[in-house]
């Protein structure tokens, strides 16, 4: 989870958006999810093009978002996007680890 948090911080940091992580792996998903929802909400309203650039950097496709909406019907749009960021960056970390060894 630490590596995933670092990847999220790196991806968002490239665009001047600060995401922090306390290091508490037990609450990592909730901590990151809440921050991402807040940041996505802010940039959705204030700087949509920057948000789209971040999502492009993270490599989230519209197809993945649509699938997540179906799989997580109890999540609103912001929650789905935040979830997808965490999920995609976790996949990046796992792929990197797999191919490194």
C-alpha atoms as a PDB file:
ATOM      1  CA  UNK A   1       0.000   0.000   0.000  1.00  0.00           C
ATOM      2  CA  UNK A   2       2.870   2.367   0.691  1.00  0.00           C
ATOM      3  CA  UNK A   3       4.121   1.977  -2.862  1.00  0.00           C
ATOM      4  CA  UNK A   4       0.619   2.572  -4.197  1.00  0.00           C
ATOM      5  CA  UNK A   5       0.309   5.723  -2.094  1.00  0.00           C
ATOM      6  CA  UNK A   6       3.699   6.880  -3.381  1.00  0.00           C
ATOM      7  CA  UNK A   7       2.594   6.275  -6.966  1.00  0.00           C
ATOM      8  CA  UNK A   8      -0.610   8.263  -6.410  1.00  0.00           C
ATOM      9  CA  UNK A   9       1.348  11.103  -4.811  1.00  0.00           C
ATOM     10  CA  UNK A  10       3.776  11.059  -7.746  1.00  0.00           C
ATOM     11  CA  UNK A  11       1.044  11.042 -10.414  1.00  0.00           C
ATOM     12  CA  UNK A  12      -0.919  13.865  -8.810  1.00  0.00           C
ATOM     13  CA  UNK A  13       2.202  15.758  -7.760  1.00  0.00           C
ATOM     14  CA  UNK A  14       3.252  16.066 -11.414  1.00  0.00           C
ATOM     15  CA  UNK A  15       0.285  18.415 -11.782  1.00  0.00           C
ATOM     16  CA  UNK A  16       0.775  20.327  -8.547  1.00  0.00           C
ATOM     17  CA  UNK A  17      -1.930  18.429  -6.661  1.00  0.00           C
ATOM     18  CA  UNK A  18      -0.885  17.336  -3.197  1.00  0.00           C
ATOM     19  CA  UNK A  19      -1.912  13.945  -1.864  1.00  0.00           C
ATOM     20  CA  UNK A  20      -0.461  12.821   1.460  1.00  0.00           C
ATOM     21  CA  UNK A  21      -0.256   9.472   3.200  1.00  0.00           C
ATOM     22  CA  UNK A  22       0.123   8.929   6.937  1.00  0.00           C
ATOM     23  CA  UNK A  23       1.753   5.530   6.500  1.00  0.00           C
ATOM     24  CA  UNK A  24      -1.066   3.706   8.292  1.00  0.00           C
ATOM     25  CA  UNK A  25      -1.635   0.741   5.973  1.00  0.00           C
ATOM     26  CA  UNK A  26      -4.723  -0.430   7.863  1.00  0.00           C
ATOM     27  CA  UNK A  27      -6.652   2.688   6.815  1.00  0.00           C
ATOM     28  CA  UNK A  28      -4.723   3.400   3.612  1.00  0.00           C
ATOM     29  CA  UNK A  29      -7.592   2.853   1.191  1.00  0.00           C
ATOM     30  CA  UNK A  30      -9.999   5.050   3.156  1.00  0.00           C
ATOM     31  CA  UNK A  31      -7.386   7.771   3.710  1.00  0.00           C
ATOM     32  CA  UNK A  32      -6.392   7.919   0.047  1.00  0.00           C
ATOM     33  CA  UNK A  33      -9.951   7.524  -1.204  1.00  0.00           C
ATOM     34  CA  UNK A  34     -11.202  10.489   0.842  1.00  0.00           C
ATOM     35  CA  UNK A  35      -8.338  12.727  -0.262  1.00  0.00           C
ATOM     36  CA  UNK A  36      -8.805  11.771  -3.878  1.00  0.00           C
ATOM     37  CA  UNK A  37     -12.536  12.456  -3.723  1.00  0.00           C
ATOM     38  CA  UNK A  38     -11.822  15.921  -2.293  1.00  0.00           C
ATOM     39  CA  UNK A  39      -9.129  16.743  -4.868  1.00  0.00           C
ATOM     40  CA  UNK A  40     -11.114  15.357  -7.802  1.00  0.00           C
ATOM     41  CA  UNK A  41     -14.111  17.414  -6.670  1.00  0.00           C
ATOM     42  CA  UNK A  42     -12.051  20.610  -6.494  1.00  0.00           C
ATOM     43  CA  UNK A  43     -10.429  20.127  -9.878  1.00  0.00           C
ATOM     44  CA  UNK A  44     -13.642  18.929 -11.490  1.00  0.00           C
ATOM     45  CA  UNK A  45     -15.143  22.335 -10.687  1.00  0.00           C
ATOM     46  CA  UNK A  46     -12.081  24.592 -11.002  1.00  0.00           C
ATOM     47  CA  UNK A  47      -9.680  23.065 -13.520  1.00  0.00           C
ATOM     48  CA  UNK A  48     -11.270  20.209 -15.433  1.00  0.00           C
ATOM     49  CA  UNK A  49      -8.471  20.056 -18.004  1.00  0.00           C
ATOM     50  CA  UNK A  50      -5.884  19.501 -15.247  1.00  0.00           C
ATOM     51  CA  UNK A  51      -8.032  16.728 -13.779  1.00  0.00           C
ATOM     52  CA  UNK A  52      -8.282  15.068 -17.187  1.00  0.00           C
ATOM     53  CA  UNK A  53      -4.501  15.328 -17.549  1.00  0.00           C
ATOM     54  CA  UNK A  54      -4.024  13.598 -14.200  1.00  0.00           C
ATOM     55  CA  UNK A  55      -6.449  10.834 -15.137  1.00  0.00           C
ATOM     56  CA  UNK A  56      -4.612  10.423 -18.444  1.00  0.00           C
ATOM     57  CA  UNK A  57      -1.308  10.182 -16.534  1.00  0.00           C
ATOM     58  CA  UNK A  58      -2.782   7.555 -14.222  1.00  0.00           C
ATOM     59  CA  UNK A  59      -4.059   5.777 -17.369  1.00  0.00           C
ATOM     60  CA  UNK A  60      -7.720   5.386 -16.556  1.00  0.00           C
ATOM     61  CA  UNK A  61      -9.922   4.719 -19.559  1.00  0.00           C
ATOM     62  CA  UNK A  62     -13.584   5.576 -20.012  1.00  0.00           C
ATOM     63  CA  UNK A  63     -14.255   1.857 -20.371  1.00  0.00           C
ATOM     64  CA  UNK A  64     -12.731   1.173 -16.939  1.00  0.00           C
ATOM     65  CA  UNK A  65     -14.799   3.971 -15.418  1.00  0.00           C
ATOM     66  CA  UNK A  66     -17.987   2.580 -16.971  1.00  0.00           C
ATOM     67  CA  UNK A  67     -17.170  -0.901 -15.652  1.00  0.00           C
ATOM     68  CA  UNK A  68     -16.492   0.499 -12.193  1.00  0.00           C
ATOM     69  CA  UNK A  69     -19.877   2.255 -12.220  1.00  0.00           C
ATOM     70  CA  UNK A  70     -21.554  -1.086 -12.872  1.00  0.00           C
ATOM     71  CA  UNK A  71     -19.482  -2.897 -10.238  1.00  0.00           C
ATOM     72  CA  UNK A  72     -19.883  -0.156  -7.613  1.00  0.00           C
ATOM     73  CA  UNK A  73     -23.457   1.089  -8.015  1.00  0.00           C
ATOM     74  CA  UNK A  74     -23.435   2.510  -4.482  1.00  0.00           C
ATOM     75  CA  UNK A  75     -20.535   4.886  -5.376  1.00  0.00           C
ATOM     76  CA  UNK A  76     -21.138   8.306  -6.902  1.00  0.00           C
ATOM     77  CA  UNK A  77     -19.038   9.586  -9.839  1.00  0.00           C
ATOM     78  CA  UNK A  78     -16.310  11.107  -7.658  1.00  0.00           C
ATOM     79  CA  UNK A  79     -16.038   7.979  -5.529  1.00  0.00           C
ATOM     80  CA  UNK A  80     -15.723   5.820  -8.643  1.00  0.00           C
ATOM     81  CA  UNK A  81     -12.939   8.011 -10.045  1.00  0.00           C
ATOM     82  CA  UNK A  82     -11.077   7.956  -6.726  1.00  0.00           C
ATOM     83  CA  UNK A  83     -11.443   4.185  -6.531  1.00  0.00           C
ATOM     84  CA  UNK A  84     -10.165   3.795 -10.087  1.00  0.00           C
ATOM     85  CA  UNK A  85      -7.092   5.915  -9.342  1.00  0.00           C
ATOM     86  CA  UNK A  86      -6.208   3.694  -6.383  1.00  0.00           C
ATOM     87  CA  UNK A  87      -6.941   0.508  -8.318  1.00  0.00           C
ATOM     88  CA  UNK A  88      -4.931   1.571 -11.384  1.00  0.00           C
ATOM     89  CA  UNK A  89      -1.919   2.726  -9.377  1.00  0.00           C
ATOM     90  CA  UNK A  90      -2.017  -0.509  -7.379  1.00  0.00           C
ATOM     91  CA  UNK A  91      -1.904  -2.406 -10.685  1.00  0.00           C
ATOM     92  CA  UNK A  92       1.112  -0.331 -11.764  1.00  0.00           C
ATOM     93  CA  UNK A  93       2.924  -1.224  -8.551  1.00  0.00           C
ATOM     94  CA  UNK A  94       2.092  -4.931  -8.869  1.00  0.00           C
ATOM     95  CA  UNK A  95       3.153  -5.071 -12.527  1.00  0.00           C
ATOM     96  CA  UNK A  96       6.408  -3.316 -11.695  1.00  0.00           C
ATOM     97  CA  UNK A  97       7.108  -5.806  -8.889  1.00  0.00           C
ATOM     98  CA  UNK A  98       6.212  -8.796 -11.062  1.00  0.00           C
ATOM     99  CA  UNK A  99       8.431  -7.804 -13.953  1.00  0.00           C
ATOM    100  CA  UNK A 100      11.263  -6.664 -11.702  1.00  0.00           C
ATOM    101  CA  UNK A 101      11.764 -10.147 -10.272  1.00  0.00           C
END
